[in-house]
N, C-alpha and C. Protein backbone atom coordinates (compact mmCIF):
# COMPACT_ATOMS: atom_id res chain seq x y z
N MET A 1 175.27 68.12 99.44
CA MET A 1 174.04 68.89 99.34
C MET A 1 172.87 68.14 99.97
N VAL A 2 172.71 66.86 99.61
CA VAL A 2 171.62 66.05 100.14
C VAL A 2 171.79 65.85 101.64
N VAL A 3 173.03 65.64 102.08
CA VAL A 3 173.30 65.45 103.51
C VAL A 3 172.97 66.73 104.28
N GLY A 4 173.31 67.87 103.73
CA GLY A 4 173.01 69.14 104.37
C GLY A 4 171.51 69.39 104.49
N LEU A 5 170.78 69.04 103.44
CA LEU A 5 169.33 69.19 103.45
C LEU A 5 168.69 68.24 104.46
N ALA A 6 169.18 67.01 104.50
CA ALA A 6 168.67 66.04 105.47
C ALA A 6 168.94 66.49 106.90
N ALA A 7 170.13 67.06 107.13
CA ALA A 7 170.46 67.57 108.47
C ALA A 7 169.55 68.74 108.85
N LEU A 8 169.28 69.61 107.89
CA LEU A 8 168.40 70.75 108.14
C LEU A 8 166.97 70.28 108.48
N VAL A 9 166.47 69.31 107.74
CA VAL A 9 165.15 68.75 108.01
C VAL A 9 165.13 68.10 109.39
N PHE A 10 166.17 67.35 109.72
CA PHE A 10 166.26 66.70 111.03
C PHE A 10 166.25 67.73 112.16
N VAL A 11 167.00 68.81 112.01
CA VAL A 11 167.05 69.85 113.04
C VAL A 11 165.68 70.53 113.17
N ALA A 12 165.02 70.78 112.05
CA ALA A 12 163.70 71.41 112.09
C ALA A 12 162.68 70.52 112.80
N VAL A 13 162.67 69.23 112.50
CA VAL A 13 161.75 68.29 113.14
C VAL A 13 162.07 68.17 114.63
N ALA A 14 163.36 68.09 114.97
CA ALA A 14 163.75 68.01 116.38
C ALA A 14 163.32 69.27 117.13
N LEU A 15 163.48 70.42 116.52
CA LEU A 15 163.07 71.68 117.15
C LEU A 15 161.56 71.71 117.38
N LEU A 16 160.78 71.28 116.40
CA LEU A 16 159.32 71.22 116.56
C LEU A 16 158.93 70.26 117.69
N CYS A 17 159.60 69.13 117.78
CA CYS A 17 159.31 68.17 118.86
C CYS A 17 159.64 68.78 120.22
N VAL A 18 160.76 69.46 120.34
CA VAL A 18 161.14 70.09 121.61
C VAL A 18 160.14 71.18 121.97
N LEU A 19 159.77 72.03 121.01
CA LEU A 19 158.79 73.08 121.28
C LEU A 19 157.44 72.49 121.69
N GLY A 20 157.02 71.41 121.04
CA GLY A 20 155.76 70.75 121.40
C GLY A 20 155.81 70.19 122.81
N ALA A 21 156.92 69.57 123.16
CA ALA A 21 157.07 69.01 124.51
C ALA A 21 157.09 70.13 125.56
N LEU A 22 157.76 71.23 125.28
CA LEU A 22 157.78 72.36 126.21
C LEU A 22 156.39 72.97 126.38
N ARG A 23 155.63 73.03 125.31
CA ARG A 23 154.27 73.55 125.38
C ARG A 23 153.40 72.67 126.28
N ILE A 24 153.47 71.36 126.08
CA ILE A 24 152.67 70.45 126.91
C ILE A 24 153.10 70.55 128.37
N ARG A 25 154.39 70.65 128.61
CA ARG A 25 154.87 70.80 129.99
C ARG A 25 154.36 72.11 130.60
N TRP A 26 154.34 73.17 129.82
CA TRP A 26 153.84 74.47 130.30
C TRP A 26 152.36 74.37 130.67
N ILE A 27 151.56 73.71 129.83
CA ILE A 27 150.13 73.55 130.12
C ILE A 27 149.95 72.74 131.41
N TRP A 28 150.66 71.62 131.55
CA TRP A 28 150.53 70.79 132.75
C TRP A 28 150.99 71.52 134.00
N SER A 29 152.00 72.37 133.88
CA SER A 29 152.56 73.04 135.06
C SER A 29 151.60 74.05 135.67
N ARG A 30 150.60 74.47 134.94
CA ARG A 30 149.68 75.48 135.44
C ARG A 30 148.56 74.88 136.27
N GLY A 31 148.47 73.55 136.35
CA GLY A 31 147.50 72.88 137.22
C GLY A 31 146.10 72.82 136.64
N GLY A 32 145.26 71.97 137.26
CA GLY A 32 143.87 71.83 136.84
C GLY A 32 143.72 71.23 135.46
N VAL A 33 144.63 70.33 135.07
CA VAL A 33 144.67 69.80 133.70
C VAL A 33 144.29 68.32 133.70
N PHE A 34 143.56 67.92 132.68
CA PHE A 34 143.27 66.50 132.49
C PHE A 34 143.21 66.19 131.00
N GLU A 35 143.47 64.93 130.67
CA GLU A 35 143.40 64.50 129.28
C GLU A 35 141.95 64.45 128.83
N CYS A 36 141.69 64.93 127.63
CA CYS A 36 140.31 65.04 127.18
C CYS A 36 140.28 65.07 125.65
N GLN A 37 139.48 64.19 125.06
CA GLN A 37 139.25 64.23 123.63
C GLN A 37 138.06 65.14 123.38
N LEU A 38 138.06 65.77 122.21
CA LEU A 38 136.99 66.72 121.90
C LEU A 38 136.53 66.53 120.48
N ARG A 39 135.22 66.69 120.29
CA ARG A 39 134.62 66.65 118.96
C ARG A 39 133.50 67.67 118.92
N GLN A 40 133.47 68.46 117.86
CA GLN A 40 132.39 69.43 117.68
C GLN A 40 131.26 68.73 116.95
N GLU A 41 130.06 68.86 117.49
CA GLU A 41 128.87 68.26 116.87
C GLU A 41 128.05 69.29 116.11
N ARG A 42 127.99 70.50 116.59
CA ARG A 42 127.17 71.52 115.98
C ARG A 42 127.93 72.84 116.04
N PRO A 43 128.00 73.62 115.03
CA PRO A 43 127.21 73.58 113.81
C PRO A 43 127.72 72.58 112.77
N VAL A 44 128.96 72.07 112.89
CA VAL A 44 129.50 71.12 111.92
C VAL A 44 130.07 69.92 112.69
N VAL A 45 129.78 68.72 112.22
CA VAL A 45 130.34 67.53 112.87
C VAL A 45 131.80 67.39 112.47
N ARG A 46 132.64 67.23 113.46
CA ARG A 46 134.09 67.08 113.22
C ARG A 46 134.56 65.78 113.88
N PRO A 47 135.73 65.28 113.51
CA PRO A 47 136.25 64.06 114.14
C PRO A 47 136.80 64.34 115.54
N TRP A 48 137.06 63.27 116.30
CA TRP A 48 137.65 63.40 117.63
C TRP A 48 139.09 63.89 117.52
N HIS A 49 139.49 64.75 118.46
CA HIS A 49 140.87 65.23 118.55
C HIS A 49 141.37 65.02 119.97
N SER A 50 142.60 64.60 120.11
CA SER A 50 143.21 64.42 121.43
C SER A 50 143.69 65.76 121.95
N GLY A 51 143.53 65.94 123.26
CA GLY A 51 143.97 67.20 123.83
C GLY A 51 144.03 67.18 125.34
N LEU A 52 144.29 68.34 125.88
CA LEU A 52 144.35 68.57 127.31
C LEU A 52 143.35 69.66 127.65
N ALA A 53 142.57 69.44 128.69
CA ALA A 53 141.62 70.45 129.15
C ALA A 53 142.15 71.03 130.45
N ARG A 54 141.95 72.31 130.64
CA ARG A 54 142.46 72.99 131.83
C ARG A 54 141.39 73.94 132.36
N TYR A 55 141.10 73.79 133.67
CA TYR A 55 140.18 74.72 134.32
C TYR A 55 140.88 76.06 134.49
N GLU A 56 140.26 77.10 133.98
CA GLU A 56 140.84 78.45 134.03
C GLU A 56 139.78 79.41 134.56
N GLY A 57 139.46 79.28 135.85
CA GLY A 57 138.44 80.14 136.45
C GLY A 57 137.06 79.75 135.98
N ASN A 58 136.39 80.68 135.29
CA ASN A 58 135.03 80.44 134.82
C ASN A 58 134.97 79.84 133.42
N HIS A 59 136.08 79.39 132.91
CA HIS A 59 136.03 78.71 131.62
C HIS A 59 136.99 77.53 131.61
N LEU A 60 136.72 76.62 130.69
CA LEU A 60 137.55 75.45 130.48
C LEU A 60 138.25 75.64 129.15
N GLY A 61 139.56 75.66 129.19
CA GLY A 61 140.33 75.78 127.97
C GLY A 61 140.75 74.40 127.48
N TRP A 62 140.54 74.12 126.21
CA TRP A 62 140.95 72.84 125.64
C TRP A 62 142.06 73.09 124.63
N TYR A 63 143.17 72.39 124.82
CA TYR A 63 144.36 72.55 124.00
C TYR A 63 144.58 71.28 123.18
N ARG A 64 144.68 71.42 121.89
CA ARG A 64 144.99 70.28 121.02
C ARG A 64 146.42 69.84 121.30
N VAL A 65 146.64 68.53 121.38
CA VAL A 65 147.97 68.02 121.68
C VAL A 65 148.96 68.37 120.58
N LEU A 66 148.58 68.15 119.33
CA LEU A 66 149.49 68.40 118.22
C LEU A 66 149.33 69.83 117.71
N SER A 67 149.83 70.75 118.50
CA SER A 67 149.76 72.16 118.16
C SER A 67 150.89 72.87 118.89
N LEU A 68 151.26 74.02 118.41
CA LEU A 68 152.28 74.82 119.09
C LEU A 68 151.70 76.08 119.71
N GLY A 69 150.39 76.29 119.56
CA GLY A 69 149.74 77.50 120.08
C GLY A 69 149.70 77.53 121.59
N ARG A 70 149.78 78.72 122.16
CA ARG A 70 149.73 78.88 123.61
C ARG A 70 148.32 79.14 124.12
N ARG A 71 147.42 79.48 123.23
CA ARG A 71 146.03 79.73 123.62
C ARG A 71 145.21 78.47 123.40
N PRO A 72 144.13 78.30 124.17
CA PRO A 72 143.29 77.12 123.96
C PRO A 72 142.62 77.16 122.60
N ASN A 73 142.45 75.99 122.00
CA ASN A 73 141.76 75.88 120.71
C ASN A 73 140.26 76.05 120.88
N VAL A 74 139.74 75.63 122.03
CA VAL A 74 138.31 75.75 122.33
C VAL A 74 138.19 76.25 123.76
N VAL A 75 137.25 77.16 123.98
CA VAL A 75 136.97 77.67 125.32
C VAL A 75 135.50 77.44 125.62
N ILE A 76 135.24 76.76 126.73
CA ILE A 76 133.87 76.53 127.17
C ILE A 76 133.65 77.39 128.40
N HIS A 77 132.74 78.35 128.29
CA HIS A 77 132.45 79.27 129.40
C HIS A 77 131.38 78.65 130.30
N ARG A 78 131.66 78.62 131.58
CA ARG A 78 130.76 77.97 132.53
C ARG A 78 129.35 78.57 132.49
N ARG A 79 129.23 79.88 132.45
CA ARG A 79 127.91 80.52 132.49
C ARG A 79 127.13 80.37 131.19
N GLN A 80 127.79 80.04 130.11
CA GLN A 80 127.12 79.89 128.82
C GLN A 80 126.94 78.44 128.43
N ALA A 81 127.41 77.51 129.28
CA ALA A 81 127.39 76.09 128.93
C ALA A 81 126.34 75.34 129.73
N GLU A 82 125.83 74.29 129.13
CA GLU A 82 124.85 73.44 129.79
C GLU A 82 125.15 71.99 129.45
N LEU A 83 125.17 71.15 130.46
CA LEU A 83 125.37 69.72 130.27
C LEU A 83 124.13 69.14 129.61
N VAL A 84 124.30 68.54 128.44
CA VAL A 84 123.18 67.96 127.70
C VAL A 84 122.99 66.50 128.09
N GLU A 85 124.07 65.74 128.08
CA GLU A 85 124.02 64.33 128.44
C GLU A 85 125.43 63.82 128.67
N TYR A 86 125.50 62.66 129.31
CA TYR A 86 126.75 61.91 129.34
C TYR A 86 126.40 60.44 129.20
N ARG A 87 127.30 59.72 128.54
CA ARG A 87 127.01 58.33 128.19
C ARG A 87 128.32 57.59 127.95
N PRO A 88 128.27 56.26 127.95
CA PRO A 88 129.46 55.50 127.54
C PRO A 88 129.71 55.71 126.05
N PRO A 89 130.91 55.51 125.59
CA PRO A 89 131.19 55.69 124.16
C PRO A 89 130.43 54.68 123.30
N ALA A 90 129.93 55.15 122.17
CA ALA A 90 129.28 54.27 121.19
C ALA A 90 130.37 53.50 120.44
N GLU A 91 129.96 52.53 119.69
CA GLU A 91 130.91 51.70 118.93
C GLU A 91 131.81 52.56 118.04
N ALA A 92 131.23 53.55 117.37
CA ALA A 92 132.01 54.43 116.49
C ALA A 92 133.00 55.29 117.26
N ASP A 93 132.67 55.62 118.52
CA ASP A 93 133.57 56.45 119.34
C ASP A 93 134.80 55.69 119.80
N LEU A 94 134.72 54.36 119.82
CA LEU A 94 135.82 53.56 120.36
C LEU A 94 137.06 53.55 119.47
N GLN A 95 136.98 54.17 118.31
CA GLN A 95 138.18 54.33 117.49
C GLN A 95 139.15 55.29 118.15
N ARG A 96 138.64 56.28 118.90
CA ARG A 96 139.48 57.28 119.56
C ARG A 96 139.38 57.26 121.08
N LEU A 97 138.30 56.71 121.62
CA LEU A 97 138.08 56.68 123.06
C LEU A 97 138.25 55.26 123.57
N THR A 98 138.40 55.12 124.89
CA THR A 98 138.49 53.80 125.49
C THR A 98 137.18 53.46 126.20
N VAL A 99 137.02 52.19 126.52
CA VAL A 99 135.79 51.73 127.16
C VAL A 99 135.58 52.42 128.51
N GLY A 100 136.64 52.75 129.24
CA GLY A 100 136.51 53.37 130.56
C GLY A 100 136.17 54.84 130.53
N GLN A 101 136.10 55.43 129.37
CA GLN A 101 135.80 56.85 129.28
C GLN A 101 134.30 57.08 129.12
N GLN A 102 133.90 58.33 129.31
CA GLN A 102 132.52 58.76 129.12
C GLN A 102 132.50 59.86 128.05
N VAL A 103 131.41 59.94 127.32
CA VAL A 103 131.20 61.01 126.35
C VAL A 103 130.25 62.01 126.99
N VAL A 104 130.68 63.25 127.06
CA VAL A 104 129.90 64.31 127.69
C VAL A 104 129.52 65.31 126.61
N ALA A 105 128.23 65.56 126.44
CA ALA A 105 127.76 66.56 125.47
C ALA A 105 127.47 67.85 126.21
N VAL A 106 128.07 68.95 125.73
CA VAL A 106 127.92 70.26 126.35
C VAL A 106 127.48 71.25 125.27
N ALA A 107 126.37 71.93 125.52
CA ALA A 107 125.90 72.97 124.62
C ALA A 107 126.35 74.32 125.18
N GLN A 108 126.83 75.18 124.29
CA GLN A 108 127.28 76.51 124.71
C GLN A 108 126.64 77.56 123.83
N ARG A 109 126.02 78.56 124.46
CA ARG A 109 125.44 79.66 123.70
C ARG A 109 126.56 80.45 123.03
N THR A 110 126.38 80.75 121.76
CA THR A 110 127.38 81.51 121.02
C THR A 110 126.85 82.86 120.58
N GLY A 111 125.62 83.14 120.87
CA GLY A 111 125.02 84.41 120.49
C GLY A 111 123.55 84.38 120.85
N PRO A 112 122.80 85.40 120.44
CA PRO A 112 121.39 85.47 120.79
C PRO A 112 120.59 84.25 120.32
N SER A 113 120.92 83.70 119.17
CA SER A 113 120.13 82.58 118.67
C SER A 113 120.95 81.34 118.34
N GLY A 114 122.25 81.40 118.53
CA GLY A 114 123.08 80.26 118.15
C GLY A 114 123.70 79.55 119.33
N HIS A 115 124.11 78.33 119.08
CA HIS A 115 124.84 77.59 120.09
C HIS A 115 125.71 76.53 119.42
N ALA A 116 126.76 76.14 120.14
CA ALA A 116 127.65 75.09 119.68
C ALA A 116 127.43 73.87 120.57
N LEU A 117 127.61 72.70 120.02
CA LEU A 117 127.51 71.48 120.79
C LEU A 117 128.86 70.77 120.71
N TRP A 118 129.46 70.57 121.86
CA TRP A 118 130.76 69.90 121.96
C TRP A 118 130.56 68.56 122.64
N GLN A 119 131.32 67.58 122.21
CA GLN A 119 131.39 66.31 122.91
C GLN A 119 132.80 66.16 123.44
N LEU A 120 132.89 65.85 124.72
CA LEU A 120 134.17 65.65 125.37
C LEU A 120 134.28 64.19 125.78
N GLY A 121 135.41 63.58 125.54
CA GLY A 121 135.67 62.22 125.98
C GLY A 121 136.64 62.28 127.14
N MET A 122 136.22 61.77 128.31
CA MET A 122 137.06 61.87 129.50
C MET A 122 136.83 60.68 130.41
N ASP A 123 137.79 60.44 131.31
CA ASP A 123 137.66 59.39 132.30
C ASP A 123 136.53 59.72 133.27
N THR A 124 136.02 58.70 133.94
CA THR A 124 134.91 58.87 134.86
C THR A 124 135.27 59.83 135.99
N GLU A 125 136.50 59.76 136.51
CA GLU A 125 136.92 60.66 137.58
C GLU A 125 136.91 62.11 137.11
N CYS A 126 137.35 62.33 135.90
CA CYS A 126 137.35 63.68 135.33
C CYS A 126 135.93 64.16 135.09
N LEU A 127 135.03 63.25 134.73
CA LEU A 127 133.63 63.61 134.53
C LEU A 127 133.02 64.15 135.81
N THR A 128 133.31 63.51 136.94
CA THR A 128 132.79 63.98 138.22
C THR A 128 133.27 65.39 138.50
N GLY A 129 134.56 65.64 138.29
CA GLY A 129 135.10 66.98 138.50
C GLY A 129 134.51 67.99 137.54
N PHE A 130 134.33 67.61 136.29
CA PHE A 130 133.77 68.52 135.29
C PHE A 130 132.34 68.90 135.63
N MET A 131 131.53 67.91 136.05
CA MET A 131 130.14 68.21 136.39
C MET A 131 130.07 69.13 137.62
N SER A 132 130.95 68.90 138.59
CA SER A 132 131.00 69.79 139.77
C SER A 132 131.39 71.19 139.37
N TRP A 133 132.40 71.31 138.51
CA TRP A 133 132.86 72.63 138.07
C TRP A 133 131.75 73.35 137.30
N LEU A 134 131.05 72.60 136.43
CA LEU A 134 130.01 73.21 135.60
C LEU A 134 128.87 73.76 136.44
N GLU A 135 128.50 73.06 137.50
CA GLU A 135 127.39 73.50 138.34
C GLU A 135 127.79 74.51 139.40
N ALA A 136 129.07 74.54 139.72
CA ALA A 136 129.54 75.46 140.76
C ALA A 136 129.77 76.84 140.17
N GLY A 137 130.04 77.78 141.04
CA GLY A 137 130.35 79.14 140.62
C GLY A 137 130.68 79.98 141.82
N PRO A 138 131.24 81.14 141.60
CA PRO A 138 131.55 82.03 142.71
C PRO A 138 130.28 82.42 143.46
N PRO A 139 130.40 82.75 144.74
CA PRO A 139 129.22 83.16 145.51
C PRO A 139 128.50 84.32 144.84
N GLY A 140 127.18 84.24 144.84
CA GLY A 140 126.37 85.31 144.28
C GLY A 140 126.17 85.21 142.79
N GLU A 141 126.79 84.23 142.15
CA GLU A 141 126.65 84.09 140.70
C GLU A 141 125.65 83.00 140.40
N GLY A 142 124.48 83.38 139.89
CA GLY A 142 123.48 82.40 139.51
C GLY A 142 123.75 81.90 138.12
N ARG A 143 123.68 80.58 137.91
CA ARG A 143 123.97 80.01 136.60
C ARG A 143 122.83 80.21 135.62
N ARG A 144 121.63 79.89 136.04
CA ARG A 144 120.52 79.95 135.09
C ARG A 144 119.56 81.09 135.37
N HIS A 145 119.37 81.41 136.63
CA HIS A 145 118.38 82.42 137.00
C HIS A 145 119.06 83.49 137.84
N GLN A 146 119.06 84.68 137.36
CA GLN A 146 119.61 85.77 138.16
C GLN A 146 118.45 86.65 138.62
N THR A 147 118.48 86.98 139.89
CA THR A 147 117.41 87.82 140.42
C THR A 147 117.91 89.26 140.52
N ASN A 148 117.01 90.17 140.29
CA ASN A 148 117.34 91.58 140.41
C ASN A 148 116.78 92.11 141.73
N PRO A 149 117.65 92.55 142.65
CA PRO A 149 117.15 93.07 143.91
C PRO A 149 116.42 94.40 143.67
N ARG A 150 115.35 94.61 144.44
CA ARG A 150 114.57 95.84 144.27
C ARG A 150 114.70 96.71 145.50
């Protein structure tokens, strides 16, 4: 009985590990992916989480590493997001980030009067790409000021 239960637990854990590995492979196979830690600052401060970020057109999808979901856990929309600051990690950040990474604060409008503040931990090379992506957009799409032709 105990051996059967132990075997069942082993098979369940092995299956979860295989599904998790397949999910990560699926995310990487779609391209535009980089390693990125994420922490929500506003409306509630949360701890750092390891994940993968993927450029998906006009939004950045962030996928938690330890998850089986196929949808991103956080979505940052380019037209609703604004770069607040970027800086080296503080002493408290070094528990989850490395010295070579940068902390990027991004504010995103969530409604008429609300906004969320996300902190992303990423390598310097990824920061350059992220800042370019954030400021870029399809032709004719104004990020902050849209003009109405008369």
